[in-house]
Amino acid sequence: MVNIRRATMEDAALIADMSRETFYDSFAKQNTKADMDIFLAEQFSRDMLLKQVAEPSNIFFIAYENEQPAGYLFVKEGSHSQADFTNPLEISRLYACKQFIGKGIGKKLMQTAIDYATASGNDAVWLGVWEHNLRAIQFYTSFGFEKFGEHDFLLGNDLQRDWLMRIVLI
């Protein structure tokens, strides 16, 4: 049984560790070790991730399957320069732990994000996704997300392209 709850500061270390683990599991095969090491050290250090959880404007949810951490969601208020909405919610991260991929964790986390945005009066939800992450793009499309732009994403020394995708709620 999957249970999702809003995270608290007591969950900061768990979220930081899941963040690093899921990012590495998701992208290490498609990127060089050097680029992954640089990115994890500069942008995904444990200290930086702990500070993200402490930031009051950052909202985290943790998914559990049978009381075992299975994934997490990180959302925040905010817009991208290409997103022309008044009050959008950004999905900054949505990850399932490797051993739980394919068990519906991602779907439940996405529904949590959409439900949270709807309850908060957001007019859209948006996110960035690596253009080569076809599985994630298909997943987001299945929820009604559509591409509205692109932007650069630097992973280590490798300049990559992210698609910007959104779903209109109102």
N, C-alpha and C. Protein backbone atom coordinates (compact mmCIF):
# COMPACT_ATOMS: atom_id res chain seq x y z
N MET A 1 0.84 -1.19 0.00
CA MET A 1 0.00 0.00 0.00
C MET A 1 0.88 1.25 0.00
N VAL A 2 0.55 2.20 -0.86
CA VAL A 2 1.32 3.43 -0.98
C VAL A 2 0.67 4.52 -0.12
N ASN A 3 1.50 5.19 0.65
CA ASN A 3 1.07 6.29 1.48
C ASN A 3 1.97 7.48 1.16
N ILE A 4 1.37 8.64 0.94
CA ILE A 4 2.15 9.85 0.66
C ILE A 4 1.83 10.88 1.73
N ARG A 5 2.88 11.46 2.27
CA ARG A 5 2.67 12.51 3.27
C ARG A 5 3.63 13.67 3.02
N ARG A 6 3.21 14.83 3.49
CA ARG A 6 4.07 16.00 3.38
C ARG A 6 5.26 15.83 4.33
N ALA A 7 6.42 16.15 3.83
CA ALA A 7 7.65 16.00 4.61
C ALA A 7 7.80 17.14 5.61
N THR A 8 8.56 16.86 6.67
CA THR A 8 8.90 17.86 7.67
C THR A 8 10.43 17.95 7.74
N MET A 9 10.93 18.84 8.57
CA MET A 9 12.38 18.97 8.72
C MET A 9 13.01 17.68 9.24
N GLU A 10 12.26 16.87 9.96
CA GLU A 10 12.80 15.60 10.43
C GLU A 10 13.11 14.65 9.27
N ASP A 11 12.54 14.93 8.09
CA ASP A 11 12.75 14.10 6.92
C ASP A 11 13.89 14.60 6.02
N ALA A 12 14.54 15.68 6.42
CA ALA A 12 15.53 16.33 5.54
C ALA A 12 16.65 15.38 5.12
N ALA A 13 17.20 14.63 6.04
CA ALA A 13 18.31 13.73 5.68
C ALA A 13 17.83 12.63 4.74
N LEU A 14 16.65 12.10 4.97
CA LEU A 14 16.09 11.07 4.09
C LEU A 14 15.90 11.63 2.68
N ILE A 15 15.34 12.83 2.59
CA ILE A 15 15.11 13.44 1.27
C ILE A 15 16.44 13.71 0.57
N ALA A 16 17.42 14.23 1.30
CA ALA A 16 18.73 14.51 0.71
C ALA A 16 19.34 13.23 0.16
N ASP A 17 19.27 12.17 0.92
CA ASP A 17 19.85 10.90 0.48
C ASP A 17 19.08 10.32 -0.71
N MET A 18 17.74 10.38 -0.66
CA MET A 18 16.95 9.89 -1.79
C MET A 18 17.20 10.73 -3.03
N SER A 19 17.38 12.03 -2.86
CA SER A 19 17.63 12.92 -4.00
C SER A 19 18.89 12.52 -4.75
N ARG A 20 19.96 12.34 -4.02
CA ARG A 20 21.23 11.96 -4.65
C ARG A 20 21.13 10.58 -5.28
N GLU A 21 20.54 9.64 -4.57
CA GLU A 21 20.43 8.27 -5.06
C GLU A 21 19.57 8.20 -6.33
N THR A 22 18.42 8.82 -6.32
CA THR A 22 17.52 8.72 -7.47
C THR A 22 18.06 9.48 -8.67
N PHE A 23 18.71 10.62 -8.44
CA PHE A 23 19.29 11.36 -9.56
C PHE A 23 20.40 10.53 -10.20
N TYR A 24 21.26 9.96 -9.38
CA TYR A 24 22.34 9.13 -9.90
C TYR A 24 21.79 7.93 -10.66
N ASP A 25 20.85 7.23 -10.06
CA ASP A 25 20.25 6.05 -10.71
C ASP A 25 19.60 6.41 -12.04
N SER A 26 19.00 7.60 -12.11
CA SER A 26 18.28 8.01 -13.32
C SER A 26 19.19 8.44 -14.46
N PHE A 27 20.36 9.02 -14.14
CA PHE A 27 21.13 9.66 -15.20
C PHE A 27 22.58 9.21 -15.35
N ALA A 28 23.08 8.37 -14.45
CA ALA A 28 24.50 7.98 -14.52
C ALA A 28 24.84 7.22 -15.80
N LYS A 29 23.93 6.38 -16.28
CA LYS A 29 24.23 5.58 -17.47
C LYS A 29 24.34 6.43 -18.74
N GLN A 30 23.66 7.56 -18.78
CA GLN A 30 23.66 8.40 -19.98
C GLN A 30 24.67 9.54 -19.92
N ASN A 31 25.40 9.65 -18.84
CA ASN A 31 26.35 10.75 -18.66
C ASN A 31 27.68 10.20 -18.16
N THR A 32 28.73 10.99 -18.34
CA THR A 32 30.04 10.54 -17.88
C THR A 32 30.13 10.61 -16.36
N LYS A 33 30.99 9.78 -15.82
CA LYS A 33 31.22 9.79 -14.37
C LYS A 33 31.72 11.17 -13.93
N ALA A 34 32.60 11.76 -14.73
CA ALA A 34 33.14 13.08 -14.38
C ALA A 34 32.04 14.13 -14.29
N ASP A 35 31.14 14.15 -15.28
CA ASP A 35 30.05 15.13 -15.26
C ASP A 35 29.10 14.88 -14.09
N MET A 36 28.81 13.62 -13.81
CA MET A 36 27.94 13.29 -12.68
C MET A 36 28.60 13.72 -11.37
N ASP A 37 29.89 13.44 -11.21
CA ASP A 37 30.59 13.80 -9.98
C ASP A 37 30.59 15.31 -9.77
N ILE A 38 30.84 16.07 -10.83
CA ILE A 38 30.84 17.54 -10.73
C ILE A 38 29.45 18.03 -10.32
N PHE A 39 28.42 17.54 -11.01
CA PHE A 39 27.06 18.00 -10.72
C PHE A 39 26.66 17.66 -9.28
N LEU A 40 26.91 16.43 -8.87
CA LEU A 40 26.53 16.03 -7.52
C LEU A 40 27.28 16.85 -6.47
N ALA A 41 28.53 17.16 -6.72
CA ALA A 41 29.32 17.94 -5.77
C ALA A 41 28.89 19.41 -5.73
N GLU A 42 28.62 19.98 -6.90
CA GLU A 42 28.32 21.41 -6.98
C GLU A 42 26.84 21.75 -6.78
N GLN A 43 25.96 20.92 -7.32
CA GLN A 43 24.53 21.26 -7.32
C GLN A 43 23.67 20.35 -6.45
N PHE A 44 24.21 19.21 -6.06
CA PHE A 44 23.41 18.22 -5.36
C PHE A 44 24.13 17.71 -4.12
N SER A 45 24.92 18.58 -3.49
CA SER A 45 25.61 18.14 -2.28
C SER A 45 24.57 17.90 -1.18
N ARG A 46 24.91 17.06 -0.25
CA ARG A 46 23.98 16.74 0.83
C ARG A 46 23.62 18.01 1.61
N ASP A 47 24.61 18.87 1.87
CA ASP A 47 24.34 20.12 2.59
C ASP A 47 23.37 21.01 1.84
N MET A 48 23.56 21.13 0.53
CA MET A 48 22.64 21.95 -0.28
C MET A 48 21.23 21.38 -0.25
N LEU A 49 21.13 20.08 -0.33
CA LEU A 49 19.82 19.44 -0.32
C LEU A 49 19.14 19.60 1.03
N LEU A 50 19.89 19.51 2.11
CA LEU A 50 19.33 19.74 3.44
C LEU A 50 18.80 21.17 3.56
N LYS A 51 19.52 22.13 3.00
CA LYS A 51 19.07 23.53 3.04
C LYS A 51 17.80 23.72 2.21
N GLN A 52 17.68 22.99 1.09
CA GLN A 52 16.46 23.08 0.28
C GLN A 52 15.25 22.65 1.08
N VAL A 53 15.39 21.59 1.83
CA VAL A 53 14.26 21.10 2.63
C VAL A 53 13.89 22.13 3.70
N ALA A 54 14.87 22.83 4.23
CA ALA A 54 14.62 23.82 5.28
C ALA A 54 13.97 25.09 4.75
N GLU A 55 14.08 25.36 3.47
CA GLU A 55 13.52 26.58 2.88
C GLU A 55 11.99 26.51 2.93
N PRO A 56 11.34 27.47 3.61
CA PRO A 56 9.89 27.40 3.79
C PRO A 56 9.08 27.39 2.48
N SER A 57 9.60 27.96 1.42
CA SER A 57 8.84 27.98 0.16
C SER A 57 8.95 26.68 -0.63
N ASN A 58 9.81 25.78 -0.20
CA ASN A 58 9.96 24.48 -0.85
C ASN A 58 9.08 23.46 -0.15
N ILE A 59 8.32 22.72 -0.91
CA ILE A 59 7.38 21.75 -0.36
C ILE A 59 7.77 20.36 -0.85
N PHE A 60 7.92 19.45 0.08
CA PHE A 60 8.32 18.08 -0.23
C PHE A 60 7.25 17.11 0.26
N PHE A 61 7.05 16.06 -0.53
CA PHE A 61 6.20 14.95 -0.15
C PHE A 61 7.03 13.68 -0.28
N ILE A 62 6.78 12.72 0.60
CA ILE A 62 7.48 11.44 0.54
C ILE A 62 6.44 10.34 0.34
N ALA A 63 6.75 9.45 -0.60
CA ALA A 63 5.91 8.28 -0.82
C ALA A 63 6.53 7.10 -0.11
N TYR A 64 5.68 6.34 0.55
CA TYR A 64 6.09 5.12 1.23
C TYR A 64 5.28 3.95 0.67
N GLU A 65 5.93 2.84 0.48
CA GLU A 65 5.22 1.61 0.17
C GLU A 65 5.51 0.64 1.30
N ASN A 66 4.43 0.26 1.99
CA ASN A 66 4.57 -0.61 3.17
C ASN A 66 5.61 -0.05 4.14
N GLU A 67 5.51 1.24 4.39
CA GLU A 67 6.35 1.97 5.34
C GLU A 67 7.81 2.09 4.93
N GLN A 68 8.13 1.74 3.69
CA GLN A 68 9.50 1.89 3.17
C GLN A 68 9.52 3.08 2.22
N PRO A 69 10.47 4.04 2.40
CA PRO A 69 10.54 5.18 1.48
C PRO A 69 10.68 4.70 0.04
N ALA A 70 9.80 5.21 -0.83
CA ALA A 70 9.74 4.73 -2.21
C ALA A 70 9.95 5.83 -3.25
N GLY A 71 9.88 7.09 -2.84
CA GLY A 71 10.06 8.19 -3.77
C GLY A 71 9.71 9.50 -3.10
N TYR A 72 9.91 10.59 -3.85
CA TYR A 72 9.60 11.90 -3.28
C TYR A 72 9.23 12.88 -4.39
N LEU A 73 8.61 13.96 -3.94
CA LEU A 73 8.15 15.04 -4.81
C LEU A 73 8.61 16.35 -4.18
N PHE A 74 9.13 17.26 -5.01
CA PHE A 74 9.56 18.59 -4.57
C PHE A 74 8.86 19.60 -5.47
N VAL A 75 8.00 20.43 -4.88
CA VAL A 75 7.29 21.47 -5.64
C VAL A 75 7.55 22.82 -4.99
N LYS A 76 7.40 23.85 -5.81
CA LYS A 76 7.55 25.21 -5.28
C LYS A 76 6.78 26.18 -6.16
N GLU A 77 6.37 27.25 -5.54
CA GLU A 77 5.69 28.31 -6.28
C GLU A 77 6.71 28.96 -7.19
N GLY A 78 6.29 29.30 -8.38
CA GLY A 78 7.21 30.03 -9.22
C GLY A 78 7.00 29.77 -10.69
N SER A 79 7.47 30.72 -11.45
CA SER A 79 7.27 30.67 -12.88
C SER A 79 8.60 30.65 -13.61
N HIS A 80 8.55 30.21 -14.82
CA HIS A 80 9.68 30.29 -15.73
C HIS A 80 9.39 31.45 -16.66
N SER A 81 10.41 32.09 -17.16
CA SER A 81 10.21 33.26 -18.02
C SER A 81 9.35 32.94 -19.24
N GLN A 82 9.33 31.68 -19.68
CA GLN A 82 8.53 31.31 -20.84
C GLN A 82 7.11 30.86 -20.47
N ALA A 83 6.84 30.71 -19.18
CA ALA A 83 5.51 30.25 -18.74
C ALA A 83 4.65 31.46 -18.43
N ASP A 84 3.66 31.70 -19.25
CA ASP A 84 2.83 32.88 -19.08
C ASP A 84 1.56 32.57 -18.28
N PHE A 85 1.78 32.26 -17.01
CA PHE A 85 0.68 32.03 -16.10
C PHE A 85 0.86 32.93 -14.90
N THR A 86 -0.23 33.24 -14.25
CA THR A 86 -0.20 34.14 -13.11
C THR A 86 0.32 33.46 -11.85
N ASN A 87 -0.10 32.21 -11.64
CA ASN A 87 0.20 31.54 -10.38
C ASN A 87 0.53 30.07 -10.61
N PRO A 88 1.65 29.78 -11.27
CA PRO A 88 1.99 28.37 -11.54
C PRO A 88 2.73 27.71 -10.37
N LEU A 89 2.66 26.40 -10.35
CA LEU A 89 3.44 25.60 -9.41
C LEU A 89 4.48 24.84 -10.22
N GLU A 90 5.71 24.86 -9.77
CA GLU A 90 6.78 24.12 -10.44
C GLU A 90 7.00 22.77 -9.76
N ILE A 91 7.06 21.72 -10.55
CA ILE A 91 7.54 20.44 -10.05
C ILE A 91 9.04 20.47 -10.28
N SER A 92 9.77 20.64 -9.20
CA SER A 92 11.22 20.71 -9.31
C SER A 92 11.83 19.32 -9.42
N ARG A 93 11.26 18.37 -8.68
CA ARG A 93 11.72 16.98 -8.76
C ARG A 93 10.58 16.04 -8.44
N LEU A 94 10.56 14.92 -9.16
CA LEU A 94 9.62 13.83 -8.89
C LEU A 94 10.37 12.54 -9.23
N TYR A 95 10.70 11.77 -8.21
CA TYR A 95 11.50 10.56 -8.42
C TYR A 95 10.96 9.40 -7.59
N ALA A 96 10.99 8.24 -8.18
CA ALA A 96 10.75 6.99 -7.46
C ALA A 96 12.09 6.30 -7.30
N CYS A 97 12.30 5.66 -6.17
CA CYS A 97 13.52 4.87 -5.97
C CYS A 97 13.52 3.70 -6.94
N LYS A 98 14.70 3.31 -7.38
CA LYS A 98 14.86 2.33 -8.46
C LYS A 98 14.03 1.07 -8.23
N GLN A 99 14.04 0.55 -7.03
CA GLN A 99 13.33 -0.71 -6.78
C GLN A 99 11.81 -0.56 -6.79
N PHE A 100 11.31 0.70 -6.86
CA PHE A 100 9.87 0.93 -6.88
C PHE A 100 9.37 1.45 -8.23
N ILE A 101 10.26 1.61 -9.20
CA ILE A 101 9.83 2.09 -10.52
C ILE A 101 8.92 1.05 -11.14
N GLY A 102 7.82 1.52 -11.70
CA GLY A 102 6.84 0.63 -12.31
C GLY A 102 5.76 0.16 -11.36
N LYS A 103 5.78 0.63 -10.12
CA LYS A 103 4.79 0.21 -9.13
C LYS A 103 3.76 1.29 -8.82
N GLY A 104 3.70 2.33 -9.65
CA GLY A 104 2.69 3.37 -9.47
C GLY A 104 3.08 4.50 -8.54
N ILE A 105 4.31 4.51 -8.04
CA ILE A 105 4.75 5.57 -7.12
C ILE A 105 4.75 6.92 -7.84
N GLY A 106 5.33 6.95 -9.04
CA GLY A 106 5.39 8.20 -9.81
C GLY A 106 4.00 8.75 -10.09
N LYS A 107 3.08 7.88 -10.47
CA LYS A 107 1.71 8.33 -10.75
C LYS A 107 1.06 8.95 -9.52
N LYS A 108 1.26 8.31 -8.38
CA LYS A 108 0.66 8.85 -7.15
C LYS A 108 1.32 10.17 -6.75
N LEU A 109 2.63 10.28 -6.95
CA LEU A 109 3.31 11.55 -6.65
C LEU A 109 2.85 12.65 -7.60
N MET A 110 2.68 12.33 -8.89
CA MET A 110 2.20 13.33 -9.84
C MET A 110 0.79 13.77 -9.46
N GLN A 111 -0.07 12.83 -9.11
CA GLN A 111 -1.42 13.20 -8.72
C GLN A 111 -1.40 14.07 -7.46
N THR A 112 -0.46 13.79 -6.56
CA THR A 112 -0.30 14.63 -5.36
C THR A 112 0.06 16.06 -5.76
N ALA A 113 0.96 16.21 -6.72
CA ALA A 113 1.36 17.55 -7.18
C ALA A 113 0.17 18.28 -7.79
N ILE A 114 -0.59 17.61 -8.63
CA ILE A 114 -1.74 18.24 -9.29
C ILE A 114 -2.81 18.58 -8.26
N ASP A 115 -3.07 17.68 -7.34
CA ASP A 115 -4.06 17.94 -6.29
C ASP A 115 -3.63 19.11 -5.41
N TYR A 116 -2.34 19.15 -5.06
CA TYR A 116 -1.82 20.25 -4.24
C TYR A 116 -1.98 21.58 -4.98
N ALA A 117 -1.62 21.58 -6.26
CA ALA A 117 -1.72 22.81 -7.06
C ALA A 117 -3.18 23.27 -7.17
N THR A 118 -4.07 22.34 -7.40
CA THR A 118 -5.50 22.68 -7.51
C THR A 118 -6.01 23.26 -6.19
N ALA A 119 -5.69 22.60 -5.09
CA ALA A 119 -6.14 23.08 -3.77
C ALA A 119 -5.53 24.44 -3.42
N SER A 120 -4.33 24.72 -3.94
CA SER A 120 -3.64 25.98 -3.65
C SER A 120 -4.04 27.10 -4.60
N GLY A 121 -4.88 26.80 -5.58
CA GLY A 121 -5.34 27.83 -6.52
C GLY A 121 -4.35 28.14 -7.63
N ASN A 122 -3.40 27.24 -7.87
CA ASN A 122 -2.47 27.46 -8.98
C ASN A 122 -3.19 27.27 -10.30
N ASP A 123 -2.80 28.06 -11.31
CA ASP A 123 -3.47 27.97 -12.61
C ASP A 123 -2.78 27.01 -13.57
N ALA A 124 -1.58 26.56 -13.21
CA ALA A 124 -0.84 25.61 -14.05
C ALA A 124 0.23 24.93 -13.22
N VAL A 125 0.71 23.81 -13.72
CA VAL A 125 1.86 23.11 -13.16
C VAL A 125 2.86 22.97 -14.29
N TRP A 126 4.13 23.25 -14.01
CA TRP A 126 5.15 23.13 -15.05
C TRP A 126 6.38 22.42 -14.49
N LEU A 127 7.23 21.97 -15.41
CA LEU A 127 8.46 21.27 -15.03
C LEU A 127 9.43 21.31 -16.19
N GLY A 128 10.67 20.97 -15.90
CA GLY A 128 11.69 20.80 -16.92
C GLY A 128 12.10 19.34 -16.96
N VAL A 129 12.32 18.81 -18.16
CA VAL A 129 12.70 17.41 -18.31
C VAL A 129 13.73 17.31 -19.43
N TRP A 130 14.77 16.53 -19.21
CA TRP A 130 15.83 16.35 -20.19
C TRP A 130 15.22 15.82 -21.49
N GLU A 131 15.58 16.43 -22.61
CA GLU A 131 15.00 16.06 -23.90
C GLU A 131 15.22 14.61 -24.28
N HIS A 132 16.23 13.95 -23.70
CA HIS A 132 16.51 12.55 -24.00
C HIS A 132 15.86 11.58 -23.00
N ASN A 133 15.15 12.11 -22.03
CA ASN A 133 14.49 11.27 -21.04
C ASN A 133 13.08 10.93 -21.55
N LEU A 134 13.04 10.07 -22.56
CA LEU A 134 11.77 9.77 -23.25
C LEU A 134 10.75 9.12 -22.35
N ARG A 135 11.19 8.28 -21.43
CA ARG A 135 10.26 7.65 -20.51
C ARG A 135 9.53 8.69 -19.66
N ALA A 136 10.28 9.68 -19.15
CA ALA A 136 9.66 10.74 -18.34
C ALA A 136 8.74 11.61 -19.20
N ILE A 137 9.17 11.93 -20.40
CA ILE A 137 8.34 12.75 -21.29
C ILE A 137 7.01 12.04 -21.57
N GLN A 138 7.06 10.74 -21.83
CA GLN A 138 5.82 9.98 -22.05
C GLN A 138 4.96 9.98 -20.79
N PHE A 139 5.58 9.84 -19.64
CA PHE A 139 4.87 9.86 -18.37
C PHE A 139 4.14 11.19 -18.20
N TYR A 140 4.85 12.31 -18.39
CA TYR A 140 4.23 13.62 -18.21
C TYR A 140 3.12 13.85 -19.24
N THR A 141 3.36 13.43 -20.47
CA THR A 141 2.35 13.57 -21.51
C THR A 141 1.08 12.81 -21.14
N SER A 142 1.22 11.67 -20.49
CA SER A 142 0.04 10.88 -20.10
C SER A 142 -0.84 11.63 -19.09
N PHE A 143 -0.28 12.60 -18.41
CA PHE A 143 -1.05 13.43 -17.48
C PHE A 143 -1.57 14.70 -18.13
N GLY A 144 -1.26 14.89 -19.41
CA GLY A 144 -1.74 16.07 -20.12
C GLY A 144 -0.73 17.19 -20.25
N PHE A 145 0.51 16.97 -19.83
CA PHE A 145 1.53 18.00 -19.97
C PHE A 145 1.88 18.16 -21.44
N GLU A 146 2.14 19.41 -21.82
CA GLU A 146 2.55 19.73 -23.19
C GLU A 146 3.81 20.59 -23.16
N LYS A 147 4.64 20.42 -24.15
CA LYS A 147 5.87 21.21 -24.26
C LYS A 147 5.52 22.65 -24.59
N PHE A 148 6.17 23.59 -23.88
CA PHE A 148 5.95 25.01 -24.17
C PHE A 148 7.26 25.77 -24.38
N GLY A 149 8.37 25.10 -24.24
CA GLY A 149 9.65 25.77 -24.45
C GLY A 149 10.80 24.84 -24.13
N GLU A 150 11.99 25.41 -24.15
CA GLU A 150 13.22 24.68 -23.83
C GLU A 150 14.14 25.61 -23.06
N HIS A 151 15.06 25.02 -22.31
CA HIS A 151 16.13 25.80 -21.70
C HIS A 151 17.36 24.93 -21.49
N ASP A 152 18.48 25.59 -21.23
CA ASP A 152 19.74 24.89 -21.03
C ASP A 152 19.81 24.34 -19.60
N PHE A 153 20.48 23.22 -19.48
CA PHE A 153 20.73 22.59 -18.18
C PHE A 153 22.17 22.10 -18.20
N LEU A 154 22.96 22.56 -17.26
CA LEU A 154 24.36 22.19 -17.21
C LEU A 154 24.55 21.05 -16.22
N LEU A 155 24.94 19.89 -16.74
CA LEU A 155 25.24 18.73 -15.91
C LEU A 155 26.75 18.54 -15.95
N GLY A 156 27.40 18.98 -14.89
CA GLY A 156 28.87 18.96 -14.88
C GLY A 156 29.38 19.95 -15.90
N ASN A 157 30.08 19.45 -16.93
CA ASN A 157 30.56 20.30 -18.01
C ASN A 157 29.76 20.10 -19.30
N ASP A 158 28.69 19.32 -19.23
CA ASP A 158 27.89 18.98 -20.41
C ASP A 158 26.63 19.86 -20.45
N LEU A 159 26.57 20.73 -21.45
CA LEU A 159 25.39 21.58 -21.63
C LEU A 159 24.30 20.78 -22.33
N GLN A 160 23.20 20.58 -21.63
CA GLN A 160 22.09 19.78 -22.15
C GLN A 160 20.86 20.65 -22.34
N ARG A 161 19.86 20.10 -23.02
CA ARG A 161 18.60 20.81 -23.25
C ARG A 161 17.49 20.13 -22.45
N ASP A 162 16.73 20.95 -21.76
CA ASP A 162 15.52 20.48 -21.08
C ASP A 162 14.31 21.00 -21.83
N TRP A 163 13.31 20.17 -21.94
CA TRP A 163 12.01 20.62 -22.41
C TRP A 163 11.27 21.20 -21.21
N LEU A 164 10.58 22.28 -21.44
CA LEU A 164 9.68 22.84 -20.44
C LEU A 164 8.28 22.35 -20.79
N MET A 165 7.62 21.74 -19.82
CA MET A 165 6.29 21.17 -20.07
C MET A 165 5.33 21.72 -19.01
N ARG A 166 4.07 21.84 -19.39
CA ARG A 166 3.07 22.37 -18.45
C ARG A 166 1.71 21.73 -18.70
N ILE A 167 0.91 21.82 -17.66
CA ILE A 167 -0.49 21.45 -17.74
C ILE A 167 -1.30 22.61 -17.16
N VAL A 168 -2.34 23.00 -17.85
CA VAL A 168 -3.20 24.09 -17.42
C VAL A 168 -4.28 23.50 -16.52
N LEU A 169 -4.49 24.14 -15.36
CA LEU A 169 -5.46 23.63 -14.40
C LEU A 169 -6.77 24.42 -14.42
N ILE A 170 -6.71 25.67 -14.80
CA ILE A 170 -7.90 26.53 -14.75
C ILE A 170 -8.34 26.92 -16.16
